[in-house]
């Protein structure tokens, strides 16, 4: 736990990225859009989240 006066600092380290393109079934994309909307995030961010989880699993 932190003290109420303590400030937490998030440090992000830049990483190289590369754009990729893939085909996704329309039904899957619609489902991704619904989930992303409910989490207030973009579809792209949700896909990155899912890919990262899958790799860590």
Protein backbone atom coordinates (compact mmCIF):
# COMPACT_ATOMS: atom_id res chain seq x y z
CA UNK A 1 0.00 0.00 0.00
CA UNK A 2 1.05 3.56 -0.53
CA UNK A 3 0.71 6.58 1.65
CA UNK A 4 -1.90 9.06 0.51
CA UNK A 5 0.85 11.62 -0.16
CA UNK A 6 3.00 9.23 -2.19
CA UNK A 7 2.95 9.66 -5.96
CA UNK A 8 3.23 6.60 -8.18
CA UNK A 9 5.10 7.07 -11.44
CA UNK A 10 4.42 4.83 -14.43
CA UNK A 11 7.48 4.37 -16.59
CA UNK A 12 6.97 3.26 -20.16
CA UNK A 13 9.89 2.22 -22.29
CA UNK A 14 9.59 2.84 -26.03
CA UNK A 15 9.83 -0.27 -28.19
CA UNK A 16 10.19 -0.63 -31.93
CA UNK A 17 6.94 -1.44 -33.68
CA UNK A 18 5.89 -2.65 -37.10
CA UNK A 19 2.45 -2.43 -38.68
CA UNK A 20 0.82 -5.69 -39.72
CA UNK A 21 -2.32 -6.46 -41.65
CA UNK A 22 -4.54 -9.48 -41.19
CA UNK A 23 -7.96 -10.63 -42.27
CA UNK A 24 -10.50 -11.22 -39.50
CA UNK A 25 -13.98 -12.66 -40.00
CA UNK A 26 -16.64 -9.92 -39.88
CA UNK A 27 -18.41 -11.59 -36.94
CA UNK A 28 -15.17 -11.67 -34.96
CA UNK A 29 -14.46 -8.02 -35.71
CA UNK A 30 -17.97 -7.05 -34.60
CA UNK A 31 -17.44 -8.94 -31.33
CA UNK A 32 -14.09 -7.22 -30.83
CA UNK A 33 -15.75 -3.83 -31.39
CA UNK A 34 -18.38 -4.58 -28.73
CA UNK A 35 -15.82 -5.73 -26.17
CA UNK A 36 -13.54 -2.78 -26.92
CA UNK A 37 -16.45 -0.36 -26.56
CA UNK A 38 -17.45 -1.83 -23.21
CA UNK A 39 -13.86 -1.39 -22.00
CA UNK A 40 -13.60 2.12 -23.48
CA UNK A 41 -10.59 1.21 -25.63
CA UNK A 42 -9.84 0.90 -29.32
CA UNK A 43 -10.11 -2.39 -31.18
CA UNK A 44 -6.39 -2.18 -31.91
CA UNK A 45 -5.54 -1.79 -28.22
CA UNK A 46 -7.81 -4.72 -27.34
CA UNK A 47 -6.13 -6.91 -29.96
CA UNK A 48 -2.69 -5.98 -28.59
CA UNK A 49 -3.93 -6.86 -25.10
CA UNK A 50 -5.21 -10.26 -26.24
CA UNK A 51 -2.01 -11.02 -28.18
CA UNK A 52 0.15 -10.07 -25.18
CA UNK A 53 -1.93 -12.25 -22.84
CA UNK A 54 -1.71 -15.15 -25.24
CA UNK A 55 2.07 -14.86 -25.47
CA UNK A 56 2.47 -14.69 -21.69
CA UNK A 57 0.17 -17.66 -21.19
